[in-house]
Amino acid sequence: MKRSQLLLLFAAFVLSTTPAWAQPTAKKAAAGSEDGVTTVIITVSATGEDVYGVTIKGAKVEDIRAPKGWVGISSGSNAMFRTGENPVKSGSAVAFKVMTSEPSAGMTVSFRGKEDVVGEPIDL
């Protein structure tokens, strides 16, 4: 192989592995149930780029609780959380609470950086 082909192959390999390294992660845990409404905690961890926004879709949302320094809004089966000064920093985690009457429903979590989408959505 020519040197230019090897460099191109190496660059393609590096570019294909970079998004997996920078992908934020999310974990789902049910915390408790009262009157048929379950509190589901979604813990978001960041690697690489800081996370300034989290969108959770899938289960019927009854109520939400945003962490300190974050704001949240919900409607139907969507909840969106944003912050300006308290992002999920690389190497740390933040928990978001969603109260739902459908705790076993699948949820999709997506992430935003300061300006653009970060990583790929995660199905929980």
PDB file of N, CA and C in Angstrom:
ATOM      1  N   MET A   1       0.835  -1.185   0.000  1.00  0.00           N
ATOM      2  CA  MET A   1       0.000   0.000   0.000  1.00  0.00           C
ATOM      3  C   MET A   1       0.875   1.242   0.000  1.00  0.00           C
ATOM      4  N   LYS A   2       0.360   2.251  -0.627  1.00  0.00           N
ATOM      5  CA  LYS A   2       1.081   3.511  -0.651  1.00  0.00           C
ATOM      6  C   LYS A   2       0.898   4.227   0.667  1.00  0.00           C
ATOM      7  N   ARG A   3       1.840   5.081   0.965  1.00  0.00           N
ATOM      8  CA  ARG A   3       1.802   5.847   2.214  1.00  0.00           C
ATOM      9  C   ARG A   3       0.524   6.667   2.326  1.00  0.00           C
ATOM     10  N   SER A   4       0.077   7.299   1.252  1.00  0.00           N
ATOM     11  CA  SER A   4      -1.137   8.119   1.292  1.00  0.00           C
ATOM     12  C   SER A   4      -2.367   7.259   1.594  1.00  0.00           C
ATOM     13  N   GLN A   5      -2.398   6.037   1.085  1.00  0.00           N
ATOM     14  CA  GLN A   5      -3.515   5.145   1.370  1.00  0.00           C
ATOM     15  C   GLN A   5      -3.508   4.715   2.840  1.00  0.00           C
ATOM     16  N   LEU A   6      -2.329   4.470   3.375  1.00  0.00           N
ATOM     17  CA  LEU A   6      -2.220   4.103   4.792  1.00  0.00           C
ATOM     18  C   LEU A   6      -2.663   5.254   5.692  1.00  0.00           C
ATOM     19  N   LEU A   7      -2.250   6.468   5.358  1.00  0.00           N
ATOM     20  CA  LEU A   7      -2.667   7.632   6.138  1.00  0.00           C
ATOM     21  C   LEU A   7      -4.180   7.824   6.060  1.00  0.00           C
ATOM     22  N   LEU A   8      -4.761   7.643   4.904  1.00  0.00           N
ATOM     23  CA  LEU A   8      -6.206   7.774   4.737  1.00  0.00           C
ATOM     24  C   LEU A   8      -6.932   6.698   5.552  1.00  0.00           C
ATOM     25  N   LEU A   9      -6.444   5.479   5.534  1.00  0.00           N
ATOM     26  CA  LEU A   9      -7.038   4.394   6.310  1.00  0.00           C
ATOM     27  C   LEU A   9      -6.932   4.672   7.809  1.00  0.00           C
ATOM     28  N   PHE A  10      -5.787   5.162   8.249  1.00  0.00           N
ATOM     29  CA  PHE A  10      -5.600   5.507   9.660  1.00  0.00           C
ATOM     30  C   PHE A  10      -6.530   6.644  10.071  1.00  0.00           C
ATOM     31  N   ALA A  11      -6.660   7.671   9.241  1.00  0.00           N
ATOM     32  CA  ALA A  11      -7.548   8.804   9.549  1.00  0.00           C
ATOM     33  C   ALA A  11      -9.001   8.340   9.634  1.00  0.00           C
ATOM     34  N   ALA A  12      -9.411   7.456   8.747  1.00  0.00           N
ATOM     35  CA  ALA A  12     -10.786   6.931   8.797  1.00  0.00           C
ATOM     36  C   ALA A  12     -11.008   6.140  10.078  1.00  0.00           C
ATOM     37  N   PHE A  13     -10.017   5.379  10.505  1.00  0.00           N
ATOM     38  CA  PHE A  13     -10.130   4.619  11.749  1.00  0.00           C
ATOM     39  C   PHE A  13     -10.258   5.553  12.948  1.00  0.00           C
ATOM     40  N   VAL A  14      -9.447   6.582  13.007  1.00  0.00           N
ATOM     41  CA  VAL A  14      -9.488   7.536  14.121  1.00  0.00           C
ATOM     42  C   VAL A  14     -10.832   8.245  14.162  1.00  0.00           C
ATOM     43  N   LEU A  15     -11.323   8.690  13.026  1.00  0.00           N
ATOM     44  CA  LEU A  15     -12.611   9.379  12.977  1.00  0.00           C
ATOM     45  C   LEU A  15     -13.764   8.459  13.362  1.00  0.00           C
ATOM     46  N   SER A  16     -13.679   7.193  13.030  1.00  0.00           N
ATOM     47  CA  SER A  16     -14.768   6.272  13.353  1.00  0.00           C
ATOM     48  C   SER A  16     -14.784   5.892  14.828  1.00  0.00           C
ATOM     49  N   THR A  17     -13.659   5.989  15.524  1.00  0.00           N
ATOM     50  CA  THR A  17     -13.625   5.631  16.934  1.00  0.00           C
ATOM     51  C   THR A  17     -13.828   6.827  17.850  1.00  0.00           C
ATOM     52  N   THR A  18     -13.649   8.036  17.387  1.00  0.00           N
ATOM     53  CA  THR A  18     -13.788   9.227  18.220  1.00  0.00           C
ATOM     54  C   THR A  18     -15.183   9.410  18.797  1.00  0.00           C
ATOM     55  N   PRO A  19     -16.282   9.282  18.032  1.00  0.00           N
ATOM     56  CA  PRO A  19     -17.609   9.479  18.613  1.00  0.00           C
ATOM     57  C   PRO A  19     -17.912   8.520  19.759  1.00  0.00           C
ATOM     58  N   ALA A  20     -17.431   7.289  19.712  1.00  0.00           N
ATOM     59  CA  ALA A  20     -17.682   6.343  20.794  1.00  0.00           C
ATOM     60  C   ALA A  20     -17.004   6.808  22.082  1.00  0.00           C
ATOM     61  N   TRP A  21     -15.852   7.452  21.972  1.00  0.00           N
ATOM     62  CA  TRP A  21     -15.150   7.927  23.163  1.00  0.00           C
ATOM     63  C   TRP A  21     -15.877   9.107  23.777  1.00  0.00           C
ATOM     64  N   ALA A  22     -16.442   9.970  22.938  1.00  0.00           N
ATOM     65  CA  ALA A  22     -17.070  11.193  23.421  1.00  0.00           C
ATOM     66  C   ALA A  22     -18.548  11.016  23.755  1.00  0.00           C
ATOM     67  N   GLN A  23     -19.074   9.830  23.623  1.00  0.00           N
ATOM     68  CA  GLN A  23     -20.493   9.575  23.831  1.00  0.00           C
ATOM     69  C   GLN A  23     -20.873   9.678  25.304  1.00  0.00           C
ATOM     70  N   PRO A  24     -21.819  10.572  25.640  1.00  0.00           N
ATOM     71  CA  PRO A  24     -22.351  10.571  27.010  1.00  0.00           C
ATOM     72  C   PRO A  24     -23.123   9.267  27.247  1.00  0.00           C
ATOM     73  N   THR A  25     -23.303   8.905  28.500  1.00  0.00           N
ATOM     74  CA  THR A  25     -24.054   7.702  28.824  1.00  0.00           C
ATOM     75  C   THR A  25     -25.227   8.053  29.730  1.00  0.00           C
ATOM     76  N   ALA A  26     -26.216   7.165  29.782  1.00  0.00           N
ATOM     77  CA  ALA A  26     -27.380   7.359  30.636  1.00  0.00           C
ATOM     78  C   ALA A  26     -27.798   6.018  31.214  1.00  0.00           C
ATOM     79  N   LYS A  27     -28.223   6.033  32.473  1.00  0.00           N
ATOM     80  CA  LYS A  27     -28.716   4.839  33.151  1.00  0.00           C
ATOM     81  C   LYS A  27     -30.078   5.153  33.748  1.00  0.00           C
ATOM     82  N   LYS A  28     -30.960   4.162  33.761  1.00  0.00           N
ATOM     83  CA  LYS A  28     -32.325   4.331  34.248  1.00  0.00           C
ATOM     84  C   LYS A  28     -32.521   3.456  35.488  1.00  0.00           C
ATOM     85  N   ALA A  29     -33.127   4.030  36.532  1.00  0.00           N
ATOM     86  CA  ALA A  29     -33.445   3.276  37.742  1.00  0.00           C
ATOM     87  C   ALA A  29     -34.765   3.776  38.307  1.00  0.00           C
ATOM     88  N   ALA A  30     -35.633   2.851  38.716  1.00  0.00           N
ATOM     89  CA  ALA A  30     -36.899   3.231  39.346  1.00  0.00           C
ATOM     90  C   ALA A  30     -36.654   3.432  40.830  1.00  0.00           C
ATOM     91  N   ALA A  31     -37.107   4.581  41.363  1.00  0.00           N
ATOM     92  CA  ALA A  31     -36.817   4.926  42.758  1.00  0.00           C
ATOM     93  C   ALA A  31     -37.962   4.622  43.711  1.00  0.00           C
ATOM     94  N   GLY A  32     -39.181   4.612  43.252  1.00  0.00           N
ATOM     95  CA  GLY A  32     -40.307   4.358  44.140  1.00  0.00           C
ATOM     96  C   GLY A  32     -41.612   4.685  43.470  1.00  0.00           C
ATOM     97  N   SER A  33     -42.700   4.176  44.067  1.00  0.00           N
ATOM     98  CA  SER A  33     -44.011   4.368  43.473  1.00  0.00           C
ATOM     99  C   SER A  33     -44.998   4.857  44.511  1.00  0.00           C
ATOM    100  N   GLU A  34     -45.828   5.801  44.099  1.00  0.00           N
ATOM    101  CA  GLU A  34     -46.864   6.323  44.974  1.00  0.00           C
ATOM    102  C   GLU A  34     -48.084   6.646  44.118  1.00  0.00           C
ATOM    103  N   ASP A  35     -49.227   6.088  44.469  1.00  0.00           N
ATOM    104  CA  ASP A  35     -50.480   6.330  43.740  1.00  0.00           C
ATOM    105  C   ASP A  35     -50.372   5.986  42.258  1.00  0.00           C
ATOM    106  N   GLY A  36     -49.621   4.946  41.906  1.00  0.00           N
ATOM    107  CA  GLY A  36     -49.495   4.541  40.514  1.00  0.00           C
ATOM    108  C   GLY A  36     -48.496   5.341  39.708  1.00  0.00           C
ATOM    109  N   VAL A  37     -47.805   6.274  40.347  1.00  0.00           N
ATOM    110  CA  VAL A  37     -46.796   7.078  39.659  1.00  0.00           C
ATOM    111  C   VAL A  37     -45.419   6.690  40.196  1.00  0.00           C
ATOM    112  N   THR A  38     -44.540   6.302  39.304  1.00  0.00           N
ATOM    113  CA  THR A  38     -43.194   5.863  39.670  1.00  0.00           C
ATOM    114  C   THR A  38     -42.178   6.952  39.356  1.00  0.00           C
ATOM    115  N   THR A  39     -41.245   7.171  40.258  1.00  0.00           N
ATOM    116  CA  THR A  39     -40.149   8.100  40.007  1.00  0.00           C
ATOM    117  C   THR A  39     -39.018   7.323  39.336  1.00  0.00           C
ATOM    118  N   VAL A  40     -38.679   7.735  38.137  1.00  0.00           N
ATOM    119  CA  VAL A  40     -37.585   7.121  37.394  1.00  0.00           C
ATOM    120  C   VAL A  40     -36.427   8.112  37.401  1.00  0.00           C
ATOM    121  N   ILE A  41     -35.262   7.623  37.804  1.00  0.00           N
ATOM    122  CA  ILE A  41     -34.070   8.476  37.844  1.00  0.00           C
ATOM    123  C   ILE A  41     -33.196   8.135  36.642  1.00  0.00           C
ATOM    124  N   ILE A  42     -32.916   9.139  35.850  1.00  0.00           N
ATOM    125  CA  ILE A  42     -32.023   8.999  34.697  1.00  0.00           C
ATOM    126  C   ILE A  42     -30.715   9.688  35.066  1.00  0.00           C
ATOM    127  N   THR A  43     -29.660   8.901  35.192  1.00  0.00           N
ATOM    128  CA  THR A  43     -28.348   9.445  35.545  1.00  0.00           C
ATOM    129  C   THR A  43     -27.519   9.586  34.274  1.00  0.00           C
ATOM    130  N   VAL A  44     -27.093  10.807  33.991  1.00  0.00           N
ATOM    131  CA  VAL A  44     -26.332  11.118  32.782  1.00  0.00           C
ATOM    132  C   VAL A  44     -24.882  11.375  33.164  1.00  0.00           C
ATOM    133  N   SER A  45     -23.975  10.690  32.474  1.00  0.00           N
ATOM    134  CA  SER A  45     -22.531  10.871  32.674  1.00  0.00           C
ATOM    135  C   SER A  45     -21.931  11.407  31.382  1.00  0.00           C
ATOM    136  N   ALA A  46     -20.954  12.268  31.517  1.00  0.00           N
ATOM    137  CA  ALA A  46     -20.312  12.861  30.338  1.00  0.00           C
ATOM    138  C   ALA A  46     -18.877  12.376  30.210  1.00  0.00           C
ATOM    139  N   THR A  47     -18.483  12.206  28.954  1.00  0.00           N
ATOM    140  CA  THR A  47     -17.083  11.923  28.632  1.00  0.00           C
ATOM    141  C   THR A  47     -16.719  12.788  27.440  1.00  0.00           C
ATOM    142  N   GLY A  48     -15.609  13.419  27.514  1.00  0.00           N
ATOM    143  CA  GLY A  48     -15.217  14.285  26.404  1.00  0.00           C
ATOM    144  C   GLY A  48     -15.844  15.659  26.528  1.00  0.00           C
ATOM    145  N   GLU A  49     -16.968  15.871  25.870  1.00  0.00           N
ATOM    146  CA  GLU A  49     -17.625  17.177  25.828  1.00  0.00           C
ATOM    147  C   GLU A  49     -18.650  17.303  26.961  1.00  0.00           C
ATOM    148  N   ASP A  50     -18.774  18.508  27.526  1.00  0.00           N
ATOM    149  CA  ASP A  50     -19.771  18.763  28.570  1.00  0.00           C
ATOM    150  C   ASP A  50     -21.179  18.705  27.988  1.00  0.00           C
ATOM    151  N   VAL A  51     -22.160  18.290  28.818  1.00  0.00           N
ATOM    152  CA  VAL A  51     -23.549  18.176  28.393  1.00  0.00           C
ATOM    153  C   VAL A  51     -24.352  19.315  29.017  1.00  0.00           C
ATOM    154  N   TYR A  52     -24.987  20.147  28.169  1.00  0.00           N
ATOM    155  CA  TYR A  52     -25.779  21.286  28.608  1.00  0.00           C
ATOM    156  C   TYR A  52     -27.281  21.054  28.443  1.00  0.00           C
ATOM    157  N   GLY A  53     -27.653  19.972  27.789  1.00  0.00           N
ATOM    158  CA  GLY A  53     -29.063  19.686  27.571  1.00  0.00           C
ATOM    159  C   GLY A  53     -29.324  18.199  27.509  1.00  0.00           C
ATOM    160  N   VAL A  54     -30.468  17.773  28.076  1.00  0.00           N
ATOM    161  CA  VAL A  54     -30.867  16.373  28.071  1.00  0.00           C
ATOM    162  C   VAL A  54     -32.341  16.326  27.694  1.00  0.00           C
ATOM    163  N   THR A  55     -32.683  15.489  26.724  1.00  0.00           N
ATOM    164  CA  THR A  55     -34.075  15.280  26.325  1.00  0.00           C
ATOM    165  C   THR A  55     -34.416  13.824  26.560  1.00  0.00           C
ATOM    166  N   ILE A  56     -35.544  13.585  27.231  1.00  0.00           N
ATOM    167  CA  ILE A  56     -35.999  12.232  27.533  1.00  0.00           C
ATOM    168  C   ILE A  56     -37.371  12.060  26.892  1.00  0.00           C
ATOM    169  N   LYS A  57     -37.524  11.014  26.063  1.00  0.00           N
ATOM    170  CA  LYS A  57     -38.781  10.756  25.359  1.00  0.00           C
ATOM    171  C   LYS A  57     -39.199   9.316  25.597  1.00  0.00           C
ATOM    172  N   GLY A  58     -40.500   9.072  25.594  1.00  0.00           N
ATOM    173  CA  GLY A  58     -40.966   7.694  25.596  1.00  0.00           C
ATOM    174  C   GLY A  58     -42.101   7.386  26.536  1.00  0.00           C
ATOM    175  N   ALA A  59     -41.949   7.611  27.808  1.00  0.00           N
ATOM    176  CA  ALA A  59     -42.986   7.288  28.784  1.00  0.00           C
ATOM    177  C   ALA A  59     -43.857   8.513  29.054  1.00  0.00           C
ATOM    178  N   LYS A  60     -45.109   8.283  29.419  1.00  0.00           N
ATOM    179  CA  LYS A  60     -46.009   9.383  29.767  1.00  0.00           C
ATOM    180  C   LYS A  60     -45.455  10.105  30.992  1.00  0.00           C
ATOM    181  N   VAL A  61     -45.183  11.385  30.855  1.00  0.00           N
ATOM    182  CA  VAL A  61     -44.573  12.173  31.931  1.00  0.00           C
ATOM    183  C   VAL A  61     -45.663  12.815  32.784  1.00  0.00           C
ATOM    184  N   GLU A  62     -45.647  12.514  34.063  1.00  0.00           N
ATOM    185  CA  GLU A  62     -46.586  13.132  35.009  1.00  0.00           C
ATOM    186  C   GLU A  62     -45.990  14.393  35.628  1.00  0.00           C
ATOM    187  N   ASP A  63     -44.682  14.344  35.910  1.00  0.00           N
ATOM    188  CA  ASP A  63     -43.976  15.471  36.530  1.00  0.00           C
ATOM    189  C   ASP A  63     -42.487  15.241  36.350  1.00  0.00           C
ATOM    190  N   ILE A  64     -41.683  16.278  36.554  1.00  0.00           N
ATOM    191  CA  ILE A  64     -40.232  16.152  36.468  1.00  0.00           C
ATOM    192  C   ILE A  64     -39.586  16.927  37.610  1.00  0.00           C
ATOM    193  N   ARG A  65     -38.348  16.588  37.903  1.00  0.00           N
ATOM    194  CA  ARG A  65     -37.534  17.323  38.870  1.00  0.00           C
ATOM    195  C   ARG A  65     -36.160  17.542  38.237  1.00  0.00           C
ATOM    196  N   ALA A  66     -35.802  18.806  38.093  1.00  0.00           N
ATOM    197  CA  ALA A  66     -34.507  19.167  37.518  1.00  0.00           C
ATOM    198  C   ALA A  66     -33.484  19.313  38.630  1.00  0.00           C
ATOM    199  N   PRO A  67     -32.232  18.912  38.382  1.00  0.00           N
ATOM    200  CA  PRO A  67     -31.172  19.117  39.374  1.00  0.00           C
ATOM    201  C   PRO A  67     -30.915  20.609  39.588  1.00  0.00           C
ATOM    202  N   LYS A  68     -30.246  20.930  40.665  1.00  0.00           N
ATOM    203  CA  LYS A  68     -29.922  22.326  40.968  1.00  0.00           C
ATOM    204  C   LYS A  68     -29.134  22.940  39.810  1.00  0.00           C
ATOM    205  N   GLY A  69     -29.583  24.121  39.379  1.00  0.00           N
ATOM    206  CA  GLY A  69     -28.912  24.817  38.294  1.00  0.00           C
ATOM    207  C   GLY A  69     -29.435  24.451  36.917  1.00  0.00           C
ATOM    208  N   TRP A  70     -30.424  23.578  36.844  1.00  0.00           N
ATOM    209  CA  TRP A  70     -31.025  23.166  35.588  1.00  0.00           C
ATOM    210  C   TRP A  70     -32.497  23.580  35.587  1.00  0.00           C
ATOM    211  N   VAL A  71     -33.072  23.750  34.393  1.00  0.00           N
ATOM    212  CA  VAL A  71     -34.513  23.966  34.261  1.00  0.00           C
ATOM    213  C   VAL A  71     -35.059  22.845  33.391  1.00  0.00           C
ATOM    214  N   GLY A  72     -36.330  22.518  33.624  1.00  0.00           N
ATOM    215  CA  GLY A  72     -36.939  21.453  32.850  1.00  0.00           C
ATOM    216  C   GLY A  72     -38.342  21.804  32.446  1.00  0.00           C
ATOM    217  N   ILE A  73     -38.774  21.242  31.338  1.00  0.00           N
ATOM    218  CA  ILE A  73     -40.140  21.412  30.857  1.00  0.00           C
ATOM    219  C   ILE A  73     -40.576  20.067  30.290  1.00  0.00           C
ATOM    220  N   SER A  74     -41.848  19.743  30.493  1.00  0.00           N
ATOM    221  CA  SER A  74     -42.351  18.472  29.985  1.00  0.00           C
ATOM    222  C   SER A  74     -43.720  18.644  29.367  1.00  0.00           C
ATOM    223  N   SER A  75     -44.028  17.732  28.451  1.00  0.00           N
ATOM    224  CA  SER A  75     -45.338  17.715  27.815  1.00  0.00           C
ATOM    225  C   SER A  75     -45.548  16.325  27.228  1.00  0.00           C
ATOM    226  N   GLY A  76     -46.662  15.697  27.577  1.00  0.00           N
ATOM    227  CA  GLY A  76     -46.975  14.379  27.026  1.00  0.00           C
ATOM    228  C   GLY A  76     -45.953  13.337  27.415  1.00  0.00           C
ATOM    229  N   SER A  77     -45.183  12.877  26.453  1.00  0.00           N
ATOM    230  CA  SER A  77     -44.166  11.859  26.719  1.00  0.00           C
ATOM    231  C   SER A  77     -42.750  12.405  26.505  1.00  0.00           C
ATOM    232  N   ASN A  78     -42.585  13.709  26.635  1.00  0.00           N
ATOM    233  CA  ASN A  78     -41.278  14.349  26.452  1.00  0.00           C
ATOM    234  C   ASN A  78     -40.907  15.206  27.654  1.00  0.00           C
ATOM    235  N   ALA A  79     -39.638  15.175  28.007  1.00  0.00           N
ATOM    236  CA  ALA A  79     -39.098  16.064  29.036  1.00  0.00           C
ATOM    237  C   ALA A  79     -37.770  16.599  28.520  1.00  0.00           C
ATOM    238  N   MET A  80     -37.555  17.901  28.708  1.00  0.00           N
ATOM    239  CA  MET A  80     -36.309  18.515  28.258  1.00  0.00           C
ATOM    240  C   MET A  80     -35.714  19.314  29.411  1.00  0.00           C
ATOM    241  N   PHE A  81     -34.425  19.128  29.627  1.00  0.00           N
ATOM    242  CA  PHE A  81     -33.693  19.820  30.686  1.00  0.00           C
ATOM    243  C   PHE A  81     -32.553  20.599  30.046  1.00  0.00           C
ATOM    244  N   ARG A  82     -32.312  21.832  30.521  1.00  0.00           N
ATOM    245  CA  ARG A  82     -31.221  22.663  30.010  1.00  0.00           C
ATOM    246  C   ARG A  82     -30.550  23.399  31.158  1.00  0.00           C
ATOM    247  N   THR A  83     -29.295  23.760  30.937  1.00  0.00           N
ATOM    248  CA  THR A  83     -28.553  24.582  31.879  1.00  0.00           C
ATOM    249  C   THR A  83     -27.634  25.510  31.100  1.00  0.00           C
ATOM    250  N   GLY A  84     -27.231  26.573  31.736  1.00  0.00           N
ATOM    251  CA  GLY A  84     -26.284  27.492  31.120  1.00  0.00           C
ATOM    252  C   GLY A  84     -24.948  27.480  31.838  1.00  0.00           C
ATOM    253  N   GLU A  85     -24.974  27.226  33.143  1.00  0.00           N
ATOM    254  CA  GLU A  85     -23.762  27.336  33.944  1.00  0.00           C
ATOM    255  C   GLU A  85     -23.401  26.084  34.726  1.00  0.00           C
ATOM    256  N   ASN A  86     -24.250  25.053  34.720  1.00  0.00           N
ATOM    257  CA  ASN A  86     -23.978  23.839  35.502  1.00  0.00           C
ATOM    258  C   ASN A  86     -24.046  22.581  34.646  1.00  0.00           C
ATOM    259  N   PRO A  87     -23.232  22.470  33.589  1.00  0.00           N
ATOM    260  CA  PRO A  87     -23.324  21.295  32.724  1.00  0.00           C
ATOM    261  C   PRO A  87     -22.833  20.027  33.417  1.00  0.00           C
ATOM    262  N   VAL A  88     -23.166  18.895  32.816  1.00  0.00           N
ATOM    263  CA  VAL A  88     -22.572  17.630  33.249  1.00  0.00           C
ATOM    264  C   VAL A  88     -21.157  17.662  32.693  1.00  0.00           C
ATOM    265  N   LYS A  89     -20.188  17.829  33.575  1.00  0.00           N
ATOM    266  CA  LYS A  89     -18.783  17.932  33.166  1.00  0.00           C
ATOM    267  C   LYS A  89     -18.223  16.555  32.831  1.00  0.00           C
ATOM    268  N   SER A  90     -17.224  16.543  31.985  1.00  0.00           N
ATOM    269  CA  SER A  90     -16.561  15.297  31.630  1.00  0.00           C
ATOM    270  C   SER A  90     -16.060  14.607  32.894  1.00  0.00           C
ATOM    271  N   GLY A  91     -16.425  13.345  33.046  1.00  0.00           N
ATOM    272  CA  GLY A  91     -16.011  12.577  34.219  1.00  0.00           C
ATOM    273  C   GLY A  91     -16.982  12.647  35.378  1.00  0.00           C
ATOM    274  N   SER A  92     -18.089  13.384  35.247  1.00  0.00           N
ATOM    275  CA  SER A  92     -19.056  13.473  36.340  1.00  0.00           C
ATOM    276  C   SER A  92     -20.440  13.035  35.856  1.00  0.00           C
ATOM    277  N   ALA A  93     -21.407  12.997  36.784  1.00  0.00           N
ATOM    278  CA  ALA A  93     -22.767  12.560  36.461  1.00  0.00           C
ATOM    279  C   ALA A  93     -23.789  13.458  37.152  1.00  0.00           C
ATOM    280  N   VAL A  94     -24.979  13.570  36.574  1.00  0.00           N
ATOM    281  CA  VAL A  94     -26.087  14.341  37.131  1.00  0.00           C
ATOM    282  C   VAL A  94     -27.347  13.491  36.985  1.00  0.00           C
ATOM    283  N   ALA A  95     -28.226  13.514  38.013  1.00  0.00           N
ATOM    284  CA  ALA A  95     -29.456  12.715  37.993  1.00  0.00           C
ATOM    285  C   ALA A  95     -30.669  13.598  37.699  1.00  0.00           C
ATOM    286  N   PHE A  96     -31.519  13.130  36.805  1.00  0.00           N
ATOM    287  CA  PHE A  96     -32.767  13.794  36.432  1.00  0.00           C
ATOM    288  C   PHE A  96     -33.914  12.882  36.842  1.00  0.00           C
ATOM    289  N   LYS A  97     -34.990  13.456  37.405  1.00  0.00           N
ATOM    290  CA  LYS A  97     -36.116  12.649  37.862  1.00  0.00           C
ATOM    291  C   LYS A  97     -37.325  12.883  36.965  1.00  0.00           C
ATOM    292  N   VAL A  98     -37.926  11.779  36.548  1.00  0.00           N
ATOM    293  CA  VAL A  98     -39.130  11.809  35.737  1.00  0.00           C
ATOM    294  C   VAL A  98     -40.168  10.954  36.453  1.00  0.00           C
ATOM    295  N   MET A  99     -41.314  11.545  36.779  1.00  0.00           N
ATOM    296  CA  MET A  99     -42.399  10.799  37.383  1.00  0.00           C
ATOM    297  C   MET A  99     -43.322  10.339  36.260  1.00  0.00           C
ATOM    298  N   THR A 100     -43.594   9.024  36.227  1.00  0.00           N
ATOM    299  CA  THR A 100     -44.377   8.463  35.139  1.00  0.00           C
ATOM    300  C   THR A 100     -45.315   7.375  35.628  1.00  0.00           C
ATOM    301  N   SER A 101     -46.413   7.210  34.920  1.00  0.00           N
ATOM    302  CA  SER A 101     -47.335   6.110  35.194  1.00  0.00           C
ATOM    303  C   SER A 101     -46.998   4.911  34.305  1.00  0.00           C
ATOM    304  N   GLU A 102     -45.944   5.030  33.519  1.00  0.00           N
ATOM    305  CA  GLU A 102     -45.481   3.960  32.630  1.00  0.00           C
ATOM    306  C   GLU A 102     -43.995   3.656  32.874  1.00  0.00           C
ATOM    307  N   PRO A 103     -43.633   3.131  34.063  1.00  0.00           N
ATOM    308  CA  PRO A 103     -42.222   2.938  34.387  1.00  0.00           C
ATOM    309  C   PRO A 103     -41.501   1.906  33.517  1.00  0.00           C
ATOM    310  N   SER A 104     -42.250   0.976  32.922  1.00  0.00           N
ATOM    311  CA  SER A 104     -41.590  -0.036  32.100  1.00  0.00           C
ATOM    312  C   SER A 104     -41.481   0.378  30.635  1.00  0.00           C
ATOM    313  N   ALA A 105     -42.018   1.530  30.282  1.00  0.00           N
ATOM    314  CA  ALA A 105     -41.932   2.017  28.895  1.00  0.00           C
ATOM    315  C   ALA A 105     -40.484   2.333  28.535  1.00  0.00           C
ATOM    316  N   GLY A 106     -40.147   2.097  27.292  1.00  0.00           N
ATOM    317  CA  GLY A 106     -38.811   2.440  26.836  1.00  0.00           C
ATOM    318  C   GLY A 106     -38.635   3.945  26.780  1.00  0.00           C
ATOM    319  N   MET A 107     -37.444   4.405  27.108  1.00  0.00           N
ATOM    320  CA  MET A 107     -37.144   5.830  27.064  1.00  0.00           C
ATOM    321  C   MET A 107     -35.922   6.047  26.187  1.00  0.00           C
ATOM    322  N   THR A 108     -35.935   7.140  25.466  1.00  0.00           N
ATOM    323  CA  THR A 108     -34.788   7.525  24.649  1.00  0.00           C
ATOM    324  C   THR A 108     -34.228   8.820  25.214  1.00  0.00           C
ATOM    325  N   VAL A 109     -32.924   8.828  25.473  1.00  0.00           N
ATOM    326  CA  VAL A 109     -32.255   9.997  26.040  1.00  0.00           C
ATOM    327  C   VAL A 109     -31.285  10.544  24.999  1.00  0.00           C
ATOM    328  N   SER A 110     -31.390  11.848  24.718  1.00  0.00           N
ATOM    329  CA  SER A 110     -30.451  12.497  23.806  1.00  0.00           C
ATOM    330  C   SER A 110     -29.790  13.676  24.519  1.00  0.00           C
ATOM    331  N   PHE A 111     -28.671  14.118  23.992  1.00  0.00           N
ATOM    332  CA  PHE A 111     -27.819  15.079  24.682  1.00  0.00           C
ATOM    333  C   PHE A 111     -27.463  16.250  23.774  1.00  0.00           C
ATOM    334  N   ARG A 112     -27.254  17.417  24.400  1.00  0.00           N
ATOM    335  CA  ARG A 112     -26.789  18.601  23.681  1.00  0.00           C
ATOM    336  C   ARG A 112     -25.605  19.203  24.416  1.00  0.00           C
ATOM    337  N   GLY A 113     -24.660  19.683  23.627  1.00  0.00           N
ATOM    338  CA  GLY A 113     -23.561  20.448  24.177  1.00  0.00           C
ATOM    339  C   GLY A 113     -23.999  21.902  24.301  1.00  0.00           C
ATOM    340  N   LYS A 114     -23.045  22.786  24.394  1.00  0.00           N
ATOM    341  CA  LYS A 114     -23.387  24.203  24.518  1.00  0.00           C
ATOM    342  C   LYS A 114     -24.157  24.695  23.297  1.00  0.00           C
ATOM    343  N   GLU A 115     -23.819  24.175  22.107  1.00  0.00           N
ATOM    344  CA  GLU A 115     -24.488  24.621  20.889  1.00  0.00           C
ATOM    345  C   GLU A 115     -25.036  23.485  20.030  1.00  0.00           C
ATOM    346  N   ASP A 116     -24.389  22.345  20.024  1.00  0.00           N
ATOM    347  CA  ASP A 116     -24.754  21.268  19.094  1.00  0.00           C
ATOM    348  C   ASP A 116     -25.072  19.969  19.829  1.00  0.00           C
ATOM    349  N   VAL A 117     -25.634  19.030  19.078  1.00  0.00           N
ATOM    350  CA  VAL A 117     -25.907  17.689  19.592  1.00  0.00           C
ATOM    351  C   VAL A 117     -24.595  17.019  19.974  1.00  0.00           C
ATOM    352  N   VAL A 118     -24.627  16.268  21.088  1.00  0.00           N
ATOM    353  CA  VAL A 118     -23.450  15.523  21.537  1.00  0.00           C
ATOM    354  C   VAL A 118     -23.802  14.041  21.494  1.00  0.00           C
ATOM    355  N   GLY A 119     -23.002  13.253  20.797  1.00  0.00           N
ATOM    356  CA  GLY A 119     -23.217  11.821  20.768  1.00  0.00           C
ATOM    357  C   GLY A 119     -24.513  11.413  20.076  1.00  0.00           C
ATOM    358  N   GLU A 120     -24.877  10.161  20.279  1.00  0.00           N
ATOM    359  CA  GLU A 120     -26.081   9.582  19.705  1.00  0.00           C
ATOM    360  C   GLU A 120     -27.107   9.337  20.801  1.00  0.00           C
ATOM    361  N   PRO A 121     -28.407   9.357  20.472  1.00  0.00           N
ATOM    362  CA  PRO A 121     -29.432   9.041  21.470  1.00  0.00           C
ATOM    363  C   PRO A 121     -29.250   7.621  22.022  1.00  0.00           C
ATOM    364  N   ILE A 122     -29.641   7.439  23.274  1.00  0.00           N
ATOM    365  CA  ILE A 122     -29.517   6.130  23.930  1.00  0.00           C
ATOM    366  C   ILE A 122     -30.921   5.640  24.302  1.00  0.00           C
ATOM    367  N   ASP A 123     -31.218   4.404  23.950  1.00  0.00           N
ATOM    368  CA  ASP A 123     -32.490   3.787  24.337  1.00  0.00           C
ATOM    369  C   ASP A 123     -32.304   3.059  25.644  1.00  0.00           C
ATOM    370  N   LEU A 124     -33.206   3.347  26.591  1.00  0.00           N
ATOM    371  CA  LEU A 124     -33.153   2.702  27.912  1.00  0.00           C
ATOM    372  C   LEU A 124     -34.360   1.792  28.079  1.00  0.00           C
TER     373      LEU A 124
END
